C-alpha atoms as a PDB file:
ATOM      1  CA  LEU A   1       0.000   0.000   0.000  1.00  0.00           C
ATOM      2  CA  VAL A   2       2.866   2.387   0.761  1.00  0.00           C
ATOM      3  CA  PRO A   3       4.010   2.715  -2.882  1.00  0.00           C
ATOM      4  CA  TRP A   4       0.520   3.854  -3.917  1.00  0.00           C
ATOM      5  CA  LEU A   5       0.285   6.285  -1.033  1.00  0.00           C
ATOM      6  CA  MET A   6       3.655   7.740  -2.011  1.00  0.00           C
ATOM      7  CA  GLN A   7       2.424   8.122  -5.597  1.00  0.00           C
ATOM      8  CA  MET A   8      -0.477  10.156  -4.226  1.00  0.00           C
ATOM      9  CA  VAL A   9       1.925  12.363  -2.260  1.00  0.00           C
ATOM     10  CA  LEU A  10       4.094  12.924  -5.344  1.00  0.00           C
ATOM     11  CA  ALA A  11       1.076  13.727  -7.520  1.00  0.00           C
ATOM     12  CA  ALA A  12      -0.274  16.176  -4.941  1.00  0.00           C
ATOM     13  CA  ARG A  13       3.092  17.935  -4.668  1.00  0.00           C
ATOM     14  CA  ALA A  14       3.406  18.124  -8.465  1.00  0.00           C
ATOM     15  CA  GLY A  15      -0.042  19.699  -8.643  1.00  0.00           C
ATOM     16  CA  GLY A  16       0.524  22.067  -5.729  1.00  0.00           C
ATOM     17  CA  LEU A  17      -2.243  20.385  -3.734  1.00  0.00           C
ATOM     18  CA  ASP A  18      -2.548  19.516  -0.066  1.00  0.00           C
ATOM     19  CA  LEU A  19      -3.188  15.848   0.655  1.00  0.00           C
ATOM     20  CA  LEU A  20      -5.146  14.340   3.542  1.00  0.00           C
ATOM     21  CA  ASP A  21      -4.706  10.773   4.729  1.00  0.00           C
ATOM     22  CA  GLY A  22      -7.885   8.691   4.975  1.00  0.00           C
ATOM     23  CA  VAL A  23     -10.016   8.155   8.057  1.00  0.00           C
ATOM     24  CA  PHE A  24      -9.148   5.928  11.004  1.00  0.00           C
ATOM     25  CA  ASN A  25     -12.482   4.333  11.864  1.00  0.00           C
ATOM     26  CA  ASP A  26     -11.828   3.156  15.430  1.00  0.00           C
ATOM     27  CA  PHE A  27     -12.198   6.537  17.130  1.00  0.00           C
ATOM     28  CA  ARG A  28     -11.685   4.915  20.544  1.00  0.00           C
ATOM     29  CA  ASP A  29      -8.196   3.644  19.628  1.00  0.00           C
ATOM     30  CA  MET A  30      -6.265   6.863  20.154  1.00  0.00           C
ATOM     31  CA  ASP A  31      -2.871   5.116  20.180  1.00  0.00           C
ATOM     32  CA  GLY A  32      -3.570   3.536  16.797  1.00  0.00           C
ATOM     33  CA  PHE A  33      -4.861   6.823  15.450  1.00  0.00           C
ATOM     34  CA  ALA A  34      -1.810   8.739  16.689  1.00  0.00           C
ATOM     35  CA  ARG A  35       0.498   6.103  15.181  1.00  0.00           C
ATOM     36  CA  GLU A  36      -1.282   6.363  11.821  1.00  0.00           C
ATOM     37  CA  CYS A  37      -1.054  10.172  11.925  1.00  0.00           C
ATOM     38  CA  THR A  38       2.684   9.991  12.613  1.00  0.00           C
ATOM     39  CA  GLU A  39       3.176   7.578   9.710  1.00  0.00           C
ATOM     40  CA  ALA A  40       1.145   9.758   7.338  1.00  0.00           C
ATOM     41  CA  ALA A  41       3.053  12.890   8.342  1.00  0.00           C
ATOM     42  CA  ALA A  42       6.359  11.064   7.770  1.00  0.00           C
ATOM     43  CA  MET A  43       5.182  10.062   4.282  1.00  0.00           C
ATOM     44  CA  GLY A  44       4.413  13.682   3.425  1.00  0.00           C
ATOM     45  CA  PHE A  45       0.654  13.928   3.920  1.00  0.00           C
ATOM     46  CA  ASP A  46      -0.517  17.372   5.026  1.00  0.00           C
ATOM     47  CA  GLY A  47      -3.248  16.210   7.381  1.00  0.00           C
ATOM     48  CA  LYS A  48      -5.796  13.508   8.090  1.00  0.00           C
ATOM     49  CA  SER A  49      -9.534  13.129   7.606  1.00  0.00           C
ATOM     50  CA  LEU A  50     -11.205  12.995  11.017  1.00  0.00           C
ATOM     51  CA  ILE A  51     -14.451  11.391  12.085  1.00  0.00           C
ATOM     52  CA  HIS A  52     -14.551  12.313  15.777  1.00  0.00           C
ATOM     53  CA  PRO A  53     -13.626  15.413  17.802  1.00  0.00           C
ATOM     54  CA  ALA A  54     -11.396  13.268  20.034  1.00  0.00           C
ATOM     55  CA  GLN A  55      -9.024  12.871  17.074  1.00  0.00           C
ATOM     56  CA  ILE A  56      -8.277  16.579  16.642  1.00  0.00           C
ATOM     57  CA  GLU A  57      -5.544  16.908  19.265  1.00  0.00           C
ATOM     58  CA  ALA A  58      -3.531  13.892  18.067  1.00  0.00           C
ATOM     59  CA  ALA A  59      -3.824  15.007  14.442  1.00  0.00           C
ATOM     60  CA  ASN A  60      -2.678  18.526  15.284  1.00  0.00           C
ATOM     61  CA  ARG A  61       0.269  17.113  17.231  1.00  0.00           C
ATOM     62  CA  ALA A  62       1.365  14.912  14.320  1.00  0.00           C
ATOM     63  CA  PHE A  63       0.929  17.406  11.500  1.00  0.00           C
ATOM     64  CA  ALA A  64       1.823  20.704  13.184  1.00  0.00           C
ATOM     65  CA  PRO A  65       5.248  22.115  12.331  1.00  0.00           C
ATOM     66  CA  THR A  66       7.943  21.707  14.992  1.00  0.00           C
ATOM     67  CA  PRO A  67       9.106  24.750  16.962  1.00  0.00           C
ATOM     68  CA  GLU A  68      12.486  24.453  15.212  1.00  0.00           C
ATOM     69  CA  ALA A  69      10.893  24.448  11.762  1.00  0.00           C
ATOM     70  CA  LEU A  70       8.783  27.469  12.692  1.00  0.00           C
ATOM     71  CA  ALA A  71      11.817  29.367  13.986  1.00  0.00           C
ATOM     72  CA  GLU A  72      13.672  28.658  10.743  1.00  0.00           C
ATOM     73  CA  ALA A  73      10.653  29.717   8.674  1.00  0.00           C
ATOM     74  CA  ARG A  74      10.405  32.998  10.580  1.00  0.00           C
ATOM     75  CA  THR A  75      14.142  33.592  10.046  1.00  0.00           C
ATOM     76  CA  VAL A  76      13.797  33.038   6.289  1.00  0.00           C
ATOM     77  CA  LYS A  77      10.805  35.383   6.116  1.00  0.00           C
ATOM     78  CA  GLU A  78      12.616  38.052   8.135  1.00  0.00           C
ATOM     79  CA  ALA A  79      15.706  37.791   5.903  1.00  0.00           C
ATOM     80  CA  PHE A  80      13.694  38.534   2.775  1.00  0.00           C
ATOM     81  CA  ALA A  81      11.900  41.393   4.561  1.00  0.00           C
ATOM     82  CA  LEU A  82      15.147  43.274   5.239  1.00  0.00           C
ATOM     83  CA  ALA A  83      15.474  46.475   3.216  1.00  0.00           C
ATOM     84  CA  GLU A  84      18.795  45.381   1.715  1.00  0.00           C
ATOM     85  CA  ASN A  85      17.148  42.205   0.383  1.00  0.00           C
ATOM     86  CA  THR A  86      14.154  43.883  -1.247  1.00  0.00           C
ATOM     87  CA  GLY A  87      13.576  42.452  -4.699  1.00  0.00           C
ATOM     88  CA  LYS A  88      16.345  39.862  -4.420  1.00  0.00           C
ATOM     89  CA  ALA A  89      15.722  36.333  -5.645  1.00  0.00           C
ATOM     90  CA  VAL A  90      18.452  34.859  -3.427  1.00  0.00           C
ATOM     91  CA  VAL A  91      19.853  35.966  -0.068  1.00  0.00           C
ATOM     92  CA  ALA A  92      22.621  34.673   2.188  1.00  0.00           C
ATOM     93  CA  LEU A  93      21.363  33.411   5.534  1.00  0.00           C
ATOM     94  CA  ASN A  94      23.587  31.811   8.150  1.00  0.00           C
ATOM     95  CA  GLY A  95      26.138  30.785   5.543  1.00  0.00           C
ATOM     96  CA  LYS A  96      23.564  29.326   3.149  1.00  0.00           C
ATOM     97  CA  MET A  97      21.929  30.595   0.003  1.00  0.00           C
ATOM     98  CA  VAL A  98      18.168  30.937   0.436  1.00  0.00           C
ATOM     99  CA  GLU A  99      15.877  31.399  -2.561  1.00  0.00           C
ATOM    100  CA  ARG A 100      12.347  32.727  -2.959  1.00  0.00           C
ATOM    101  CA  LEU A 101      11.252  29.083  -3.157  1.00  0.00           C
ATOM    102  CA  HIS A 102      12.372  28.751   0.464  1.00  0.00           C
ATOM    103  CA  LEU A 103      10.434  31.901   1.311  1.00  0.00           C
ATOM    104  CA  ALA A 104       7.277  30.410  -0.215  1.00  0.00           C
ATOM    105  CA  GLN A 105       7.818  27.199   1.767  1.00  0.00           C
ATOM    106  CA  ALA A 106       8.384  29.209   4.950  1.00  0.00           C
ATOM    107  CA  GLU A 107       5.199  31.220   4.432  1.00  0.00           C
ATOM    108  CA  LYS A 108       3.215  28.029   3.806  1.00  0.00           C
ATOM    109  CA  LEU A 109       4.599  26.469   6.991  1.00  0.00           C
ATOM    110  CA  LEU A 110       3.744  29.560   9.039  1.00  0.00           C
ATOM    111  CA  ALA A 111       0.214  29.570   7.607  1.00  0.00           C
ATOM    112  CA  LYS A 112      -0.164  25.888   8.481  1.00  0.00           C
ATOM    113  CA  ALA A 113       0.913  26.583  12.061  1.00  0.00           C
ATOM    114  CA  ALA A 114      -1.619  29.413  12.297  1.00  0.00           C
ATOM    115  CA  ALA A 115      -4.358  27.102  11.008  1.00  0.00           C
ATOM    116  CA  VAL A 116      -3.487  24.428  13.572  1.00  0.00           C
ATOM    117  CA  ARG A 117      -3.653  27.031  16.361  1.00  0.00           C
ATOM    118  CA  ALA A 118      -7.066  28.280  15.170  1.00  0.00           C
END
């Protein structure tokens, strides 16, 4: 099953789409649900279809960006916002070259974190 799921992830990425993993029907099995969320997040899914309010917290935990990823995203966004970087396609940040692609990824990650908090 994993190869087909990965094909779905690749197709979604190619099309610029978010992808949700399917439902976990045993809403009383929170350990199983959390495990499935962790696996789906590791495969590249953006979230999971839920069937019960009790599943929200575990799904948010699995799919929410890490504090480290959020800090890096904020740093990338701040670097491009500096006056000396206005209009640049590439900037140097902590010894690395960062492109507008990275800025778009950072903004998407920050938006995802805001949605999880909402």
